[in-house]
Amino acid sequence: MELPANVQNQIIQLQQLQQQLQIIVLQKQQVEAQIKEIKKALEEMEKSPVDYVYKMTGAILVKRNKEEVEKELKELLETLELRLQTLEKQEKKMQERLNELQQTLQKIIQEHPNVS
């Protein structure tokens, strides 16, 4: 028996949501890795007694004032933490929507066993 159009649409929507959720999870992992990397860099810079650091710019290292680089990294860290919060909210909303859609589809399948 062929699936009704509304069920087919819900299945397609479910698959699209799953793909979008995967993308958000990957983005979240990348942001978390960047945050960890920046925190580690700031930690190492605090240990360093010198007033300068070398920063990678393109394919070369450039000698820079330590305080300027610290300020840049802290600003970037703040931006990434806000991005992470946004991604976490998106992930939560999408997961809730996904669960709702799965429950709706399960209910339809249970009510109409011939639809599968």
C-alpha atoms as a PDB file:
ATOM      1  CA  MET A   1       0.000   0.000   0.000  1.00  0.00           C
ATOM      2  CA  GLU A   2       1.331   3.428  -0.915  1.00  0.00           C
ATOM      3  CA  LEU A   3       1.901   6.017   1.779  1.00  0.00           C
ATOM      4  CA  PRO A   4      -0.520   8.954   1.894  1.00  0.00           C
ATOM      5  CA  ALA A   5       0.952  12.253   0.684  1.00  0.00           C
ATOM      6  CA  ASN A   6       0.888  13.848   4.143  1.00  0.00           C
ATOM      7  CA  VAL A   7       2.862  10.933   5.603  1.00  0.00           C
ATOM      8  CA  GLN A   8       5.382  11.081   2.756  1.00  0.00           C
ATOM      9  CA  ASN A   9       5.789  14.821   3.378  1.00  0.00           C
ATOM     10  CA  GLN A  10       6.332  14.245   7.084  1.00  0.00           C
ATOM     11  CA  ILE A  11       8.953  11.586   6.362  1.00  0.00           C
ATOM     12  CA  ILE A  12      10.761  13.971   4.006  1.00  0.00           C
ATOM     13  CA  GLN A  13      10.561  16.713   6.635  1.00  0.00           C
ATOM     14  CA  LEU A  14      11.939  14.300   9.245  1.00  0.00           C
ATOM     15  CA  GLN A  15      14.890  13.426   7.005  1.00  0.00           C
ATOM     16  CA  GLN A  16      15.596  17.102   6.327  1.00  0.00           C
ATOM     17  CA  LEU A  17      15.499  17.892  10.039  1.00  0.00           C
ATOM     18  CA  GLN A  18      17.918  15.038  10.733  1.00  0.00           C
ATOM     19  CA  GLN A  19      20.339  16.431   8.145  1.00  0.00           C
ATOM     20  CA  GLN A  20      20.037  19.956   9.532  1.00  0.00           C
ATOM     21  CA  LEU A  21      20.598  18.646  13.044  1.00  0.00           C
ATOM     22  CA  GLN A  22      23.758  16.841  11.901  1.00  0.00           C
ATOM     23  CA  ILE A  23      25.062  20.084  10.393  1.00  0.00           C
ATOM     24  CA  ILE A  24      24.381  22.000  13.605  1.00  0.00           C
ATOM     25  CA  VAL A  25      26.081  19.314  15.700  1.00  0.00           C
ATOM     26  CA  LEU A  26      29.159  19.462  13.439  1.00  0.00           C
ATOM     27  CA  GLN A  27      29.251  23.263  13.631  1.00  0.00           C
ATOM     28  CA  LYS A  28      28.917  23.061  17.405  1.00  0.00           C
ATOM     29  CA  GLN A  29      31.826  20.611  17.610  1.00  0.00           C
ATOM     30  CA  GLN A  30      33.981  22.911  15.470  1.00  0.00           C
ATOM     31  CA  VAL A  31      33.179  25.928  17.646  1.00  0.00           C
ATOM     32  CA  GLU A  32      33.893  23.920  20.813  1.00  0.00           C
ATOM     33  CA  ALA A  33      37.271  22.885  19.375  1.00  0.00           C
ATOM     34  CA  GLN A  34      38.097  26.512  18.522  1.00  0.00           C
ATOM     35  CA  ILE A  35      37.120  27.638  22.032  1.00  0.00           C
ATOM     36  CA  LYS A  36      39.327  24.961  23.562  1.00  0.00           C
ATOM     37  CA  GLU A  37      42.231  25.979  21.311  1.00  0.00           C
ATOM     38  CA  ILE A  38      41.889  29.674  22.193  1.00  0.00           C
ATOM     39  CA  LYS A  39      41.672  28.953  25.919  1.00  0.00           C
ATOM     40  CA  LYS A  40      44.826  26.851  25.669  1.00  0.00           C
ATOM     41  CA  ALA A  41      46.619  29.648  23.770  1.00  0.00           C
ATOM     42  CA  LEU A  42      45.579  32.233  26.378  1.00  0.00           C
ATOM     43  CA  GLU A  43      46.733  29.924  29.160  1.00  0.00           C
ATOM     44  CA  GLU A  44      50.145  29.480  27.525  1.00  0.00           C
ATOM     45  CA  MET A  45      50.461  33.221  26.915  1.00  0.00           C
ATOM     46  CA  GLU A  46      49.842  33.922  30.615  1.00  0.00           C
ATOM     47  CA  LYS A  47      52.756  31.639  31.509  1.00  0.00           C
ATOM     48  CA  SER A  48      55.106  33.423  29.126  1.00  0.00           C
ATOM     49  CA  PRO A  49      57.287  36.150  30.695  1.00  0.00           C
ATOM     50  CA  VAL A  50      57.986  37.935  27.382  1.00  0.00           C
ATOM     51  CA  ASP A  51      55.979  40.885  26.016  1.00  0.00           C
ATOM     52  CA  TYR A  52      55.624  39.496  22.509  1.00  0.00           C
ATOM     53  CA  VAL A  53      54.289  36.409  20.784  1.00  0.00           C
ATOM     54  CA  TYR A  54      54.378  35.034  17.277  1.00  0.00           C
ATOM     55  CA  LYS A  55      51.050  34.901  15.497  1.00  0.00           C
ATOM     56  CA  MET A  56      50.371  32.869  12.383  1.00  0.00           C
ATOM     57  CA  THR A  57      49.299  35.142   9.541  1.00  0.00           C
ATOM     58  CA  GLY A  58      48.717  33.195   6.370  1.00  0.00           C
ATOM     59  CA  ALA A  59      51.788  31.023   5.872  1.00  0.00           C
ATOM     60  CA  ILE A  60      54.150  33.119   8.030  1.00  0.00           C
ATOM     61  CA  LEU A  61      54.701  33.899  11.703  1.00  0.00           C
ATOM     62  CA  VAL A  62      54.577  37.560  12.678  1.00  0.00           C
ATOM     63  CA  LYS A  63      55.986  38.970  15.921  1.00  0.00           C
ATOM     64  CA  ARG A  64      53.165  40.778  17.770  1.00  0.00           C
ATOM     65  CA  ASN A  65      52.574  42.572  21.050  1.00  0.00           C
ATOM     66  CA  LYS A  66      51.366  40.002  23.578  1.00  0.00           C
ATOM     67  CA  GLU A  67      48.619  42.245  25.019  1.00  0.00           C
ATOM     68  CA  GLU A  68      47.150  42.965  21.578  1.00  0.00           C
ATOM     69  CA  VAL A  69      47.012  39.279  20.715  1.00  0.00           C
ATOM     70  CA  GLU A  70      45.470  38.466  24.110  1.00  0.00           C
ATOM     71  CA  LYS A  71      42.793  41.110  23.513  1.00  0.00           C
ATOM     72  CA  GLU A  72      42.057  39.716  20.027  1.00  0.00           C
ATOM     73  CA  LEU A  73      41.837  36.165  21.362  1.00  0.00           C
ATOM     74  CA  LYS A  74      39.529  37.175  24.220  1.00  0.00           C
ATOM     75  CA  GLU A  75      37.219  38.988  21.792  1.00  0.00           C
ATOM     76  CA  LEU A  76      37.208  35.969  19.496  1.00  0.00           C
ATOM     77  CA  LEU A  77      36.531  33.702  22.474  1.00  0.00           C
ATOM     78  CA  GLU A  78      33.549  35.832  23.475  1.00  0.00           C
ATOM     79  CA  THR A  79      32.176  35.729  19.922  1.00  0.00           C
ATOM     80  CA  LEU A  80      32.615  31.953  19.722  1.00  0.00           C
ATOM     81  CA  GLU A  81      30.935  31.415  23.095  1.00  0.00           C
ATOM     82  CA  LEU A  82      27.918  33.410  21.884  1.00  0.00           C
ATOM     83  CA  ARG A  83      27.890  31.359  18.674  1.00  0.00           C
ATOM     84  CA  LEU A  84      28.010  28.181  20.756  1.00  0.00           C
ATOM     85  CA  GLN A  85      24.999  29.312  22.805  1.00  0.00           C
ATOM     86  CA  THR A  86      23.077  30.019  19.600  1.00  0.00           C
ATOM     87  CA  LEU A  87      23.956  26.607  18.161  1.00  0.00           C
ATOM     88  CA  GLU A  88      22.924  24.887  21.397  1.00  0.00           C
ATOM     89  CA  LYS A  89      19.525  26.629  21.290  1.00  0.00           C
ATOM     90  CA  GLN A  90      19.070  25.673  17.629  1.00  0.00           C
ATOM     91  CA  GLU A  91      20.049  22.087  18.391  1.00  0.00           C
ATOM     92  CA  LYS A  92      17.557  21.899  21.265  1.00  0.00           C
ATOM     93  CA  LYS A  93      14.671  23.336  19.201  1.00  0.00           C
ATOM     94  CA  MET A  94      15.462  21.096  16.262  1.00  0.00           C
ATOM     95  CA  GLN A  95      15.709  18.019  18.497  1.00  0.00           C
ATOM     96  CA  GLU A  96      12.315  18.862  20.023  1.00  0.00           C
ATOM     97  CA  ARG A  97      10.769  19.276  16.560  1.00  0.00           C
ATOM     98  CA  LEU A  98      12.359  16.015  15.433  1.00  0.00           C
ATOM     99  CA  ASN A  99      10.933  14.172  18.447  1.00  0.00           C
ATOM    100  CA  GLU A 100       7.462  15.626  17.799  1.00  0.00           C
ATOM    101  CA  LEU A 101       7.583  14.551  14.178  1.00  0.00           C
ATOM    102  CA  GLN A 102       8.788  11.044  15.080  1.00  0.00           C
ATOM    103  CA  GLN A 103       5.953  10.669  17.593  1.00  0.00           C
ATOM    104  CA  THR A 104       3.406  11.848  15.023  1.00  0.00           C
ATOM    105  CA  LEU A 105       4.682   9.343  12.467  1.00  0.00           C
ATOM    106  CA  GLN A 106       4.713   6.512  15.023  1.00  0.00           C
ATOM    107  CA  LYS A 107       1.126   7.335  15.963  1.00  0.00           C
ATOM    108  CA  ILE A 108       0.051   7.228  12.303  1.00  0.00           C
ATOM    109  CA  ILE A 109       1.818   3.893  11.786  1.00  0.00           C
ATOM    110  CA  GLN A 110       0.225   2.401  14.917  1.00  0.00           C
ATOM    111  CA  GLU A 111      -3.238   3.603  13.908  1.00  0.00           C
ATOM    112  CA  HIS A 112      -2.816   2.357  10.329  1.00  0.00           C
ATOM    113  CA  PRO A 113      -0.674  -0.806  10.393  1.00  0.00           C
ATOM    114  CA  ASN A 114      -1.046  -1.225   6.613  1.00  0.00           C
ATOM    115  CA  VAL A 115       0.770   2.092   6.074  1.00  0.00           C
ATOM    116  CA  SER A 116       4.472   1.281   5.987  1.00  0.00           C
END
